[in-house]
Every structure is written in C-alpha cells, then in structure tokens.
Amino acid sequence: MGALYNSFERDLLDAPKCHPHTRVAVINKLIDWLTGKIDDQALIMWLYGAAGAGKSAIVHTLAEICDEKGWLLATFFFWKTAPERNNASRFVATIAHQIAQAIPAVREFIEAALNDSRHVLDLSMDTQLSKLILEPLVRLHSTGFNFQNCPFAIIVDGLDECQSKDIQSKVVKSLAAAFHRSPLRIRILIASRPEVYLKSTFNSSPIQPHLTRLALSDEYSPEKDIYQFLKDSFDKIRREHPLAHYIPSSWPSSDILDELTKKSSGQFIFASTTVKYIGGDPHQLPHRRLDVVRRLQPPKGEKDMPYAELNSLYHHVLSNVDDIEALKQVLGFLIIICPVLVGIDWIDSTDGVDDFFFWQPGEMEACLSQLASIIEVSRYRKISILHASLSDFLLDPSRSRQFYLCRESILGDCAALGLCRLRQQAALSCGSFLLFQKFILGVLICRMFYSREEPLLCGYCYRMH
C-alpha cells in the first residue's frame, strides 16, 4: 500500500508536501477544476512540469485537502526505485481497494466482482478497470447513490516513474476509456514530467476531448514561493538546530536568499535539497554548510555531498538517453559555448545549432526530446535549460562521472567546427561572414584561456580537415 499518498512507506521517505502558503494559485486552480468551476467537461487533468518543479508536493497537498473534504477516492504514487510502485501490476487493485474504503456502499459490488471472476487481476488493465471499478460504481449509482453532489477524485502521481513507456501510455488511455462514457462525475488528476511520449499520448485523438492541462510555469510565481520557503526554513534552522547559538542572528542575508532563489530556476528541488543539506546534520555548523553550497568553503571529505539528491535526478534523466555522445556535444555547446557568445541570434535555436553541427534539420530537437524534463524547446525552437544547477553538475567530474563535460575539449571541438563552417561560408555576405568571425574569435579566446597546452585542432578538426 506504499502507493497511497499517506502511506507509511512515503512517510518514512519524507514525502514532499507544499510549504505553508506556497503554490496557492496552482492548488486553487486544481480545486476549481475538481468542483466544476473551470473545464467542467474535462475528465482528466494533466499536471506537468520540469523535474524537481514540485509536482509531487502539490499533488500530495491536494490529496490531503480532498481527503479532508471527503472528495478523495484513491491515489497512486509511482516511484522508480520501489518494486511495488514502479509498475502498474497492482495499479487497478490498489485503486479499487481505496474506492471501497472511501465509499463503503460500493464494497459489496467490488467483492462480488472478485468472486465472480477470481482471475480478474490477471486480465488486461481495461478489463480490471471495468470489472473492479466502473461496473461496481455504476451499480451503486443505479441504487440512487448521487455522484453529482461531491467532486470525487482519483489522483495519479509520477506516471513517468513507471518502468515501461508503453504501460504509462496504457494507464492514461485505459482511464479515459473506462470513465468517459460513465454517468459518474469522477475526475482524474495525472501528474508527470512532460516526456515526449506522454505528450504524444495526451495529444492523441481519443484523449483530447476529455483532457485539460496545467503546466507548472512562471505564471504561478515559483520564485516568490521558493524565496518564502527558503526564508522560513532558515528561520527554523536558526531556532532549532543544536548548534544554533553559533549562528549569527542576521544569517542569511536577503542577498543570499535572492542568490539561492535565482539558482533554483523555479524548481523546488534545488531549494529543498539545499535546506536539507545545510540544516540536516546536527553535528555540522549550518552557516559553514551554506558556505560549502556557495563554494566559499570546501566540503569535508567525499561523503560531504551537498547535492546528492540533484545528482541522482540528473543521472536518472541522462541515463535514459539513447545517444549520450551526441547529447554531450549538444549540452557542451549549450552550457559552455552559448553563455560566452551572447548576441548571436542563432546560438540558442535548434535550427542554428543543427546548421552549426552539420546535422539535418530537426536532429537537435530530436536529441533534446529525451531531456524534456530539464531542457525546454519552445514552439519557436528556442532552447531553455530549466535547471541552472545542471551546468554545475556536468562540469564537475566527481558529480557527473560518465556525463562529465570537459570544457577544453568542448571549446576545441567547437572552434574546429566553427573554422570549417567559416571556410564553407566564406563566399556569403559580409554580415554572415563577420558573424562567424565573431563566433570563432570568442571560442578561440575561451579555448586559450582555459588551456594553452593542448593543441587546438582536436576531434572534429582532424575529421573535417
């Protein structure tokens, strides 16, 4: 039963929930949808956002609210490392069990379904949903039970944590197929990262008429909430930490809170990981650990890892990529080249990068499609890295290991590619020619600054010469 929002297993793992007075606008919009004030015809709400954006915390808090009001039918929180929660083998049975607890009057109909077909749990997901959930609820409805007076909700979190992409899509399609023709007013909230294959599922024709979406974007002021979370958390550390009497009363300054908020990039995982590290060890001075986070002090040995949780997140996302070498080229360009060449208009577009790498149109976007939870490509094909801390991770070999980006090699390879492109476009207009001159000059200067010993012509230069 670890999949339940209030399970003992999730409690032991310190399941995330919203900090008081934060994410209010998002939660209010979800409640408005549940109660029919907005998108009344939408059976399913897809709540999506970047990795670490706080989806699980929002969903957990909403589940608590629904439970208190008597609206909650069931929850299922997928989790990639839990054997009973990283697949859908117990999904329908877990939902059915909770519905029987939430509406005792339906229990006899569910038990009857189990007795009539003892092997129902070995059948397809569609059949399980029909026999164990939909048909019992419809039978209850036929007795006069009113489903219209209460906004009943089924909440599914972390769908992308389920092992099989096909099963993830199957869960969405089966839920939509089971409930869209029923006379019951039951709403289904599904939260996940915006993975490409899930976008495709939610965009499919059978799902579209029954769907509404909520993206965790800047519209909901995450920075303000993150700042409040950090401020309150540091206040608590100052009051309750065993070594609090050594902490300066003015610690930390508002400038430091601003710095950490900006570094969070609107993603709560950075802020929560920072707070856990700074105040989580009763034997370490919190203000010294803040200095470690800000790189003003070195960590105390190999086990002193400020961002172990973030490291795990990035490793998980990057490990699912098919062509890691091509991806490292792209990430190296975005993280190392782009910041030093501000002002070149094609530098942060997929079309421009395709052209620079001598790739076919669309290859860049295809490469990034597996990183939708940490890198966004807009409809105008502009590229945005959603986590400012990603560059720190990739440029630190002790954290990124096989995903490490060597700055000197990236600069050398890009300079060589730029020279090849410059030679190819020498016959272009003066403006285009000067643009590539600016690019090459910037890369060469950076290359010489970081390493004057390695030869410039490496990697691509040998291949393209």
Protein backbone atom coordinates (compact mmCIF):
# COMPACT_ATOMS: atom_id res chain seq x y z
CA MET A 1 0.00 0.00 0.00
CA GLY A 2 3.01 2.29 -0.40
CA ALA A 3 1.33 3.90 -3.40
CA LEU A 4 -1.19 5.71 -1.19
CA TYR A 5 -0.43 9.39 -0.60
CA ASN A 6 -0.43 8.91 3.20
CA SER A 7 1.29 5.50 3.30
CA PHE A 8 3.84 4.62 5.95
CA GLU A 9 6.40 3.99 3.21
CA ARG A 10 6.05 7.51 1.79
CA ASP A 11 6.09 8.97 5.29
CA LEU A 12 9.41 7.25 6.01
CA LEU A 13 10.80 8.74 2.78
CA ASP A 14 9.73 12.23 3.95
CA ALA A 15 7.21 12.58 1.13
CA PRO A 16 7.19 16.14 -0.20
CA LYS A 17 4.27 18.43 0.52
CA CYS A 18 3.79 22.12 -0.11
CA HIS A 19 5.27 24.56 2.37
CA PRO A 20 2.51 26.59 4.09
CA HIS A 21 1.17 29.48 1.99
CA THR A 22 3.02 28.38 -1.17
CA ARG A 23 1.71 27.03 -4.50
CA VAL A 24 -1.66 28.51 -3.55
CA ALA A 25 -2.59 29.62 -7.10
CA VAL A 26 -1.87 26.17 -8.55
CA ILE A 27 -3.81 24.31 -5.87
CA ASN A 28 -6.76 26.71 -6.18
CA LYS A 29 -6.90 26.10 -9.93
CA LEU A 30 -6.89 22.34 -9.38
CA ILE A 31 -9.74 22.69 -6.87
CA ASP A 32 -11.67 24.90 -9.31
CA TRP A 33 -11.38 22.13 -11.90
CA LEU A 34 -12.46 19.43 -9.44
CA THR A 35 -15.50 21.43 -8.38
CA GLY A 36 -16.50 22.25 -11.96
CA LYS A 37 -15.79 25.99 -11.90
CA ILE A 38 -13.43 25.62 -14.87
CA ASP A 39 -13.11 23.00 -17.63
CA ASP A 40 -16.21 21.24 -16.37
CA GLN A 41 -16.28 18.76 -19.26
CA ALA A 42 -12.66 17.63 -18.77
CA LEU A 43 -12.46 14.17 -17.24
CA ILE A 44 -8.64 14.23 -16.92
CA MET A 45 -6.27 16.97 -15.80
CA TRP A 46 -2.61 16.55 -16.81
CA LEU A 47 -0.37 18.43 -14.37
CA TYR A 48 3.13 18.58 -15.81
CA GLY A 49 6.39 20.38 -15.19
CA ALA A 50 10.15 20.07 -15.16
CA ALA A 51 11.97 17.56 -12.99
CA GLY A 52 12.05 18.93 -9.45
CA ALA A 53 9.34 21.55 -10.09
CA GLY A 54 7.31 20.38 -7.08
CA LYS A 55 4.63 18.28 -8.77
CA SER A 56 4.57 15.59 -6.07
CA ALA A 57 4.37 18.18 -3.30
CA ILE A 58 1.40 19.86 -4.99
CA VAL A 59 -0.34 16.53 -5.61
CA HIS A 60 0.26 15.37 -2.02
CA THR A 61 -1.15 18.61 -0.63
CA LEU A 62 -4.18 18.40 -2.93
CA ALA A 63 -4.76 14.79 -1.81
CA GLU A 64 -4.75 15.96 1.82
CA ILE A 65 -7.32 18.66 1.01
CA CYS A 66 -9.54 16.24 -0.91
CA ASP A 67 -9.30 13.68 1.90
CA GLU A 68 -10.36 16.25 4.49
CA LYS A 69 -13.35 17.29 2.37
CA GLY A 70 -14.42 13.72 1.57
CA TRP A 71 -13.61 14.07 -2.13
CA LEU A 72 -10.74 11.58 -2.39
CA LEU A 73 -11.49 8.21 -3.96
CA ALA A 74 -7.95 6.95 -4.44
CA THR A 75 -4.31 7.84 -5.03
CA PHE A 76 -1.40 6.04 -6.67
CA PHE A 77 2.11 7.45 -6.36
CA PHE A 78 4.50 5.73 -8.74
CA TRP A 79 8.16 5.61 -7.70
CA LYS A 80 11.02 4.30 -9.86
CA THR A 81 13.01 2.56 -7.09
CA ALA A 82 10.09 0.86 -5.28
CA PRO A 83 9.39 -2.63 -6.72
CA GLU A 84 5.66 -2.40 -5.95
CA ARG A 85 5.31 1.16 -7.26
CA ASN A 86 7.46 1.24 -10.42
CA ASN A 87 5.00 -0.81 -12.48
CA ALA A 88 1.24 -0.99 -12.99
CA SER A 89 0.66 -4.61 -11.96
CA ARG A 90 -1.18 -3.54 -8.78
CA PHE A 91 -2.50 -0.23 -10.07
CA VAL A 92 -6.17 -1.17 -10.56
CA ALA A 93 -6.37 -3.36 -7.45
CA THR A 94 -4.91 -0.57 -5.30
CA ILE A 95 -7.37 1.98 -6.72
CA ALA A 96 -10.31 -0.43 -6.23
CA HIS A 97 -9.31 -1.14 -2.61
CA GLN A 98 -9.24 2.59 -1.80
CA ILE A 99 -12.59 3.22 -3.50
CA ALA A 100 -14.11 0.50 -1.32
CA GLN A 101 -12.74 2.32 1.73
CA ALA A 102 -13.88 5.76 0.54
CA ILE A 103 -17.42 4.61 -0.39
CA PRO A 104 -18.32 1.66 1.85
CA ALA A 105 -21.59 1.14 -0.02
CA VAL A 106 -19.71 0.01 -3.14
CA ARG A 107 -17.64 -2.62 -1.32
CA GLU A 108 -20.16 -5.44 -1.78
CA PHE A 109 -20.23 -4.87 -5.55
CA ILE A 110 -16.42 -4.97 -5.78
CA GLU A 111 -16.29 -8.13 -3.67
CA ALA A 112 -18.94 -9.69 -5.89
CA ALA A 113 -16.85 -8.88 -8.98
CA LEU A 114 -13.83 -10.58 -7.39
CA ASN A 115 -15.89 -13.65 -6.52
CA ASP A 116 -17.41 -13.87 -9.99
CA SER A 117 -14.02 -13.76 -11.68
CA ARG A 118 -11.25 -14.97 -9.40
CA HIS A 119 -8.65 -14.40 -12.11
CA VAL A 120 -9.69 -10.83 -12.91
CA LEU A 121 -6.37 -9.45 -11.61
CA ASP A 122 -4.58 -11.47 -14.31
CA LEU A 123 -6.63 -9.87 -17.08
CA SER A 124 -5.99 -6.68 -19.06
CA MET A 125 -6.00 -3.26 -17.43
CA ASP A 126 -9.13 -2.30 -19.37
CA THR A 127 -10.94 -5.40 -18.06
CA GLN A 128 -9.78 -4.81 -14.48
CA LEU A 129 -10.96 -1.20 -14.56
CA SER A 130 -14.29 -2.25 -15.97
CA LYS A 131 -14.96 -5.20 -13.62
CA LEU A 132 -13.46 -3.88 -10.36
CA ILE A 133 -14.18 -0.15 -10.55
CA LEU A 134 -16.54 1.09 -13.23
CA GLU A 135 -19.22 -1.62 -13.09
CA PRO A 136 -19.44 -1.62 -9.26
CA LEU A 137 -19.72 2.19 -9.23
CA VAL A 138 -22.40 2.14 -11.94
CA ARG A 139 -24.34 -0.49 -9.99
CA LEU A 140 -24.13 1.72 -6.91
CA HIS A 141 -25.29 4.69 -8.98
CA SER A 142 -28.33 2.68 -10.14
CA THR A 143 -29.39 2.25 -6.50
CA GLY A 144 -29.77 6.03 -6.18
CA PHE A 145 -26.33 6.96 -4.88
CA ASN A 146 -25.64 10.52 -6.08
CA PHE A 147 -22.21 11.13 -7.56
CA GLN A 148 -23.05 14.70 -8.58
CA ASN A 149 -23.00 16.34 -5.15
CA CYS A 150 -19.36 15.54 -4.45
CA PRO A 151 -16.32 16.16 -6.72
CA PHE A 152 -14.79 12.70 -6.38
CA ALA A 153 -11.12 12.49 -7.43
CA ILE A 154 -8.61 9.80 -8.39
CA ILE A 155 -5.04 11.12 -8.20
CA VAL A 156 -2.07 9.54 -10.00
CA ASP A 157 1.41 10.97 -9.42
CA GLY A 158 4.77 10.30 -11.06
CA LEU A 159 3.40 8.41 -14.05
CA ASP A 160 6.79 8.79 -15.76
CA GLU A 161 8.33 6.78 -12.87
CA CYS A 162 6.56 3.66 -14.13
CA GLN A 163 9.14 1.40 -15.81
CA SER A 164 7.54 0.92 -19.22
CA LYS A 165 6.72 3.85 -21.51
CA ASP A 166 4.03 1.71 -23.16
CA ILE A 167 2.43 0.97 -19.80
CA GLN A 168 2.48 4.68 -18.91
CA SER A 169 0.53 5.44 -22.07
CA LYS A 170 -1.76 2.49 -21.39
CA VAL A 171 -2.68 3.85 -17.95
CA VAL A 172 -3.81 7.16 -19.49
CA LYS A 173 -5.75 5.54 -22.32
CA SER A 174 -7.41 2.95 -20.09
CA LEU A 175 -8.55 5.52 -17.51
CA ALA A 176 -10.01 7.73 -20.23
CA ALA A 177 -11.75 4.83 -21.94
CA ALA A 178 -13.19 3.50 -18.67
CA PHE A 179 -14.70 6.71 -17.36
CA HIS A 180 -15.58 8.96 -20.29
CA ARG A 181 -18.96 7.31 -21.01
CA SER A 182 -19.98 6.68 -17.42
CA PRO A 183 -22.73 8.65 -15.64
CA LEU A 184 -20.34 9.28 -12.74
CA ARG A 185 -18.77 12.65 -12.01
CA ILE A 186 -15.28 11.41 -11.18
CA ARG A 187 -12.20 13.45 -12.07
CA ILE A 188 -8.72 12.02 -12.65
CA LEU A 189 -5.57 14.06 -11.97
CA ILE A 190 -2.37 12.72 -13.55
CA ALA A 191 0.99 14.35 -12.72
CA SER A 192 4.22 13.68 -14.58
CA ARG A 193 7.19 15.21 -16.31
CA PRO A 194 6.49 16.43 -19.87
CA GLU A 195 8.17 13.48 -21.57
CA VAL A 196 7.76 13.40 -25.35
CA TYR A 197 5.98 10.04 -25.45
CA LEU A 198 3.50 11.23 -22.80
CA LYS A 199 2.87 14.43 -24.78
CA SER A 200 2.06 12.19 -27.73
CA THR A 201 -0.35 10.14 -25.61
CA PHE A 202 -2.17 13.17 -24.23
CA ASN A 203 -2.31 14.68 -27.73
CA SER A 204 -3.96 11.58 -29.20
CA SER A 205 -7.47 11.88 -30.62
CA PRO A 206 -9.23 9.60 -28.07
CA ILE A 207 -7.81 11.61 -25.11
CA GLN A 208 -8.09 15.22 -26.36
CA PRO A 209 -11.87 15.71 -25.90
CA HIS A 210 -11.64 14.69 -22.23
CA LEU A 211 -8.44 16.50 -21.26
CA THR A 212 -7.31 19.75 -19.72
CA ARG A 213 -3.73 20.66 -18.86
CA LEU A 214 -1.90 22.63 -16.20
CA ALA A 215 1.77 23.45 -16.73
CA LEU A 216 3.93 24.44 -13.77
CA SER A 217 5.29 27.58 -15.40
CA ASP A 218 6.38 31.06 -14.37
CA GLU A 219 2.72 32.06 -14.46
CA TYR A 220 2.39 30.71 -10.92
CA SER A 221 5.32 32.70 -9.42
CA PRO A 222 7.51 29.82 -8.20
CA GLU A 223 10.33 32.23 -7.33
CA LYS A 224 8.19 34.02 -4.74
CA ASP A 225 7.21 30.68 -3.18
CA ILE A 226 10.79 29.41 -3.23
CA TYR A 227 12.04 32.59 -1.54
CA GLN A 228 9.39 32.18 1.19
CA PHE A 229 10.29 28.52 1.64
CA LEU A 230 13.99 29.33 1.99
CA LYS A 231 13.35 32.19 4.41
CA ASP A 232 11.10 30.11 6.67
CA SER A 233 13.44 27.11 6.53
CA PHE A 234 16.49 29.15 7.53
CA ASP A 235 14.48 30.75 10.33
CA LYS A 236 13.66 27.27 11.61
CA ILE A 237 17.31 26.21 11.41
CA ARG A 238 18.30 29.28 13.44
CA ARG A 239 15.74 28.38 16.10
CA GLU A 240 16.04 24.60 16.31
CA HIS A 241 19.50 23.44 15.21
CA PRO A 242 21.61 22.04 18.11
CA LEU A 243 24.43 24.45 17.18
CA ALA A 244 22.09 27.41 16.67
CA HIS A 245 23.86 29.51 19.31
CA TYR A 246 26.83 29.77 16.90
CA ILE A 247 24.70 31.07 14.03
CA PRO A 248 24.73 34.85 13.51
CA SER A 249 21.33 36.45 14.13
CA SER A 250 21.35 38.12 10.70
CA TRP A 251 22.11 34.84 8.88
CA PRO A 252 21.48 34.51 6.00
CA SER A 253 21.21 37.90 4.34
CA SER A 254 18.43 38.74 1.89
CA ASP A 255 21.07 38.86 -0.86
CA ILE A 256 21.96 35.23 -0.18
CA LEU A 257 18.27 34.26 -0.22
CA ASP A 258 17.96 36.04 -3.58
CA GLU A 259 21.04 34.22 -4.85
CA LEU A 260 19.69 30.79 -3.84
CA THR A 261 16.25 31.61 -5.24
CA LYS A 262 17.77 32.56 -8.59
CA LYS A 263 19.90 29.42 -8.59
CA SER A 264 16.75 27.35 -8.09
CA SER A 265 15.47 28.38 -11.55
CA GLY A 266 11.91 27.96 -10.38
CA GLN A 267 12.49 24.31 -9.40
CA PHE A 268 11.80 23.44 -5.77
CA ILE A 269 14.19 20.50 -5.72
CA PHE A 270 17.23 22.78 -5.61
CA ALA A 271 15.84 24.77 -2.69
CA SER A 272 14.70 21.71 -0.72
CA THR A 273 18.00 19.89 -1.29
CA THR A 274 19.91 22.99 -0.18
CA VAL A 275 17.90 23.27 3.04
CA LYS A 276 18.22 19.55 3.84
CA TYR A 277 22.00 19.72 3.45
CA ILE A 278 22.50 22.94 5.41
CA GLY A 279 20.32 22.04 8.39
CA GLY A 280 20.19 18.27 8.21
CA ASP A 281 23.27 17.31 10.22
CA PRO A 282 23.18 18.16 13.95
CA HIS A 283 26.97 17.84 14.13
CA GLN A 284 27.76 20.39 11.40
CA LEU A 285 27.57 24.19 11.54
CA PRO A 286 24.74 25.31 9.23
CA HIS A 287 26.45 28.58 8.25
CA ARG A 288 29.59 26.66 7.24
CA ARG A 289 27.48 24.31 5.14
CA LEU A 290 25.87 27.30 3.46
CA ASP A 291 29.39 28.43 2.56
CA VAL A 292 30.00 24.98 1.04
CA VAL A 293 26.86 25.38 -1.09
CA ARG A 294 28.07 28.81 -2.19
CA ARG A 295 31.57 27.40 -2.87
CA LEU A 296 33.19 29.61 -0.26
CA GLN A 297 34.33 26.55 1.71
CA PRO A 298 35.33 23.07 0.53
CA PRO A 299 33.26 20.01 1.51
CA LYS A 300 34.57 17.87 4.35
CA GLY A 301 35.60 14.73 2.51
CA GLU A 302 33.98 12.63 -0.21
CA LYS A 303 30.83 11.86 1.83
CA ASP A 304 30.02 15.54 2.28
CA MET A 305 27.79 15.89 -0.80
CA PRO A 306 25.55 18.98 -0.82
CA TYR A 307 23.53 17.90 -3.83
CA ALA A 308 23.25 14.13 -3.68
CA GLU A 309 19.52 14.29 -4.47
CA LEU A 310 20.10 16.51 -7.51
CA ASN A 311 22.93 14.27 -8.67
CA SER A 312 20.58 11.30 -8.54
CA LEU A 313 17.93 13.21 -10.51
CA TYR A 314 20.32 14.25 -13.27
CA HIS A 315 21.86 10.78 -13.53
CA HIS A 316 18.38 9.26 -13.85
CA VAL A 317 17.33 11.65 -16.61
CA LEU A 318 20.60 11.41 -18.58
CA SER A 319 20.79 7.61 -18.25
CA ASN A 320 17.62 7.26 -20.31
CA VAL A 321 19.18 8.97 -23.35
CA ASP A 322 19.97 6.75 -26.34
CA ASP A 323 22.99 8.54 -27.87
CA ILE A 324 24.89 10.01 -24.95
CA GLU A 325 27.89 11.17 -27.02
CA ALA A 326 25.69 13.28 -29.32
CA LEU A 327 23.91 14.60 -26.27
CA LYS A 328 27.20 15.61 -24.62
CA GLN A 329 28.08 17.57 -27.76
CA VAL A 330 24.78 19.41 -27.54
CA LEU A 331 24.99 20.03 -23.79
CA GLY A 332 28.58 21.21 -24.13
CA PHE A 333 27.51 23.71 -26.78
CA LEU A 334 24.58 24.98 -24.69
CA ILE A 335 26.41 25.19 -21.37
CA ILE A 336 29.92 26.20 -22.40
CA ILE A 337 29.65 27.99 -25.75
CA CYS A 338 26.31 29.82 -25.59
CA PRO A 339 26.97 31.82 -22.38
CA VAL A 340 30.13 33.42 -23.79
CA LEU A 341 28.61 34.31 -27.15
CA VAL A 342 25.56 36.33 -26.18
CA GLY A 343 24.20 38.38 -29.07
CA ILE A 344 24.43 35.82 -31.87
CA ASP A 345 20.77 35.27 -32.69
CA TRP A 346 21.01 31.64 -33.85
CA ILE A 347 23.06 30.48 -30.87
CA ASP A 348 20.09 29.26 -28.79
CA SER A 349 17.85 27.92 -31.57
CA THR A 350 17.62 24.32 -32.72
CA ASP A 351 17.82 25.35 -36.38
CA GLY A 352 21.05 27.28 -35.85
CA VAL A 353 22.68 24.50 -33.86
CA ASP A 354 21.66 21.90 -36.46
CA ASP A 355 23.37 24.01 -39.09
CA PHE A 356 26.48 24.55 -37.00
CA PHE A 357 26.94 20.83 -36.27
CA PHE A 358 26.33 19.91 -39.95
CA TRP A 359 23.22 17.99 -38.84
CA GLN A 360 19.97 17.51 -40.73
CA PRO A 361 17.15 19.86 -39.72
CA GLY A 362 15.42 18.52 -36.63
CA GLU A 363 18.29 16.43 -35.28
CA MET A 364 18.97 18.87 -32.46
CA GLU A 365 15.36 18.86 -31.28
CA ALA A 366 15.22 15.07 -31.58
CA CYS A 367 18.36 14.81 -29.45
CA LEU A 368 16.87 17.05 -26.75
CA SER A 369 13.47 15.37 -26.82
CA GLN A 370 14.61 12.86 -24.19
CA LEU A 371 15.51 15.70 -21.85
CA ALA A 372 12.14 17.46 -21.84
CA SER A 373 12.09 17.43 -18.03
CA ILE A 374 15.24 19.57 -17.74
CA ILE A 375 15.57 21.34 -21.12
CA GLU A 376 12.71 23.03 -22.96
CA VAL A 377 12.36 23.73 -26.68
CA SER A 378 9.71 26.36 -27.35
CA ARG A 379 7.38 26.33 -30.32
CA TYR A 380 9.74 28.93 -31.85
CA ARG A 381 12.56 26.38 -31.45
CA LYS A 382 14.38 28.39 -28.79
CA ILE A 383 16.26 26.30 -26.24
CA SER A 384 15.99 26.92 -22.49
CA ILE A 385 17.81 25.00 -19.74
CA LEU A 386 15.30 24.71 -16.90
CA HIS A 387 17.84 23.99 -14.15
CA ALA A 388 20.65 26.49 -13.56
CA SER A 389 22.40 23.84 -11.44
CA LEU A 390 22.71 21.47 -14.43
CA SER A 391 25.89 23.19 -15.59
CA ASP A 392 27.49 22.82 -12.13
CA PHE A 393 26.69 19.12 -12.25
CA LEU A 394 28.03 18.49 -15.77
CA LEU A 395 31.25 20.47 -15.24
CA ASP A 396 32.13 18.62 -12.02
CA PRO A 397 33.57 15.15 -12.81
CA SER A 398 33.07 13.96 -9.22
CA ARG A 399 29.31 14.54 -9.58
CA SER A 400 28.58 13.79 -13.24
CA ARG A 401 31.08 10.95 -13.79
CA GLN A 402 30.35 9.47 -17.26
CA PHE A 403 28.37 12.60 -18.22
CA TYR A 404 31.22 14.99 -17.43
CA LEU A 405 31.81 17.79 -19.93
CA CYS A 406 35.46 18.71 -20.41
CA ARG A 407 35.48 22.44 -21.06
CA GLU A 408 38.74 22.44 -23.03
CA SER A 409 37.64 19.61 -25.34
CA ILE A 410 34.25 21.21 -25.97
CA LEU A 411 35.85 24.57 -26.82
CA GLY A 412 38.40 22.91 -29.07
CA ASP A 413 35.84 20.85 -30.95
CA CYS A 414 33.51 23.81 -31.40
CA ALA A 415 36.35 26.06 -32.56
CA ALA A 416 37.33 23.44 -35.13
CA LEU A 417 33.75 23.09 -36.31
CA GLY A 418 33.42 26.87 -36.50
CA LEU A 419 36.56 27.11 -38.66
CA CYS A 420 35.13 24.50 -41.01
CA ARG A 421 31.87 26.42 -41.17
CA LEU A 422 33.72 29.69 -41.71
CA ARG A 423 35.64 28.21 -44.64
CA GLN A 424 32.41 26.84 -46.11
CA GLN A 425 30.61 30.17 -45.83
CA ALA A 426 33.46 32.44 -46.89
CA ALA A 427 31.51 33.32 -50.02
CA LEU A 428 28.48 34.50 -48.05
CA SER A 429 27.52 38.11 -47.44
CA CYS A 430 29.85 40.26 -45.36
CA GLY A 431 27.39 40.24 -42.45
CA SER A 432 27.24 36.45 -42.22
CA PHE A 433 30.98 36.19 -42.61
CA LEU A 434 31.62 38.66 -39.79
CA LEU A 435 29.09 36.85 -37.62
CA PHE A 436 31.06 33.62 -37.82
CA GLN A 437 34.29 35.53 -37.29
CA LYS A 438 32.85 36.80 -34.03
CA PHE A 439 31.85 33.26 -33.09
CA ILE A 440 35.26 31.80 -33.82
CA LEU A 441 37.11 34.61 -32.08
CA GLY A 442 35.01 34.16 -28.92
CA VAL A 443 35.54 30.40 -28.83
CA LEU A 444 39.27 30.67 -29.53
CA ILE A 445 39.77 33.22 -26.75
CA CYS A 446 37.93 30.96 -24.29
CA ARG A 447 39.91 27.95 -25.51
CA MET A 448 43.23 29.68 -24.96
CA PHE A 449 42.12 30.96 -21.57
CA TYR A 450 41.24 27.51 -20.24
CA SER A 451 44.15 25.59 -21.71
CA ARG A 452 47.21 26.77 -23.61
CA GLU A 453 48.92 23.42 -23.68
CA GLU A 454 46.55 21.20 -25.68
CA PRO A 455 46.54 21.54 -29.46
CA LEU A 456 43.53 23.40 -30.85
CA LEU A 457 42.85 21.03 -33.72
CA CYS A 458 41.24 18.09 -31.95
CA GLY A 459 38.22 15.89 -32.53
CA TYR A 460 36.29 17.41 -35.41
CA CYS A 461 39.27 19.26 -36.83
CA TYR A 462 41.04 16.03 -37.71
CA ARG A 463 37.88 14.59 -39.18
CA MET A 464 36.85 17.67 -41.14
CA HIS A 465 40.31 18.74 -42.43
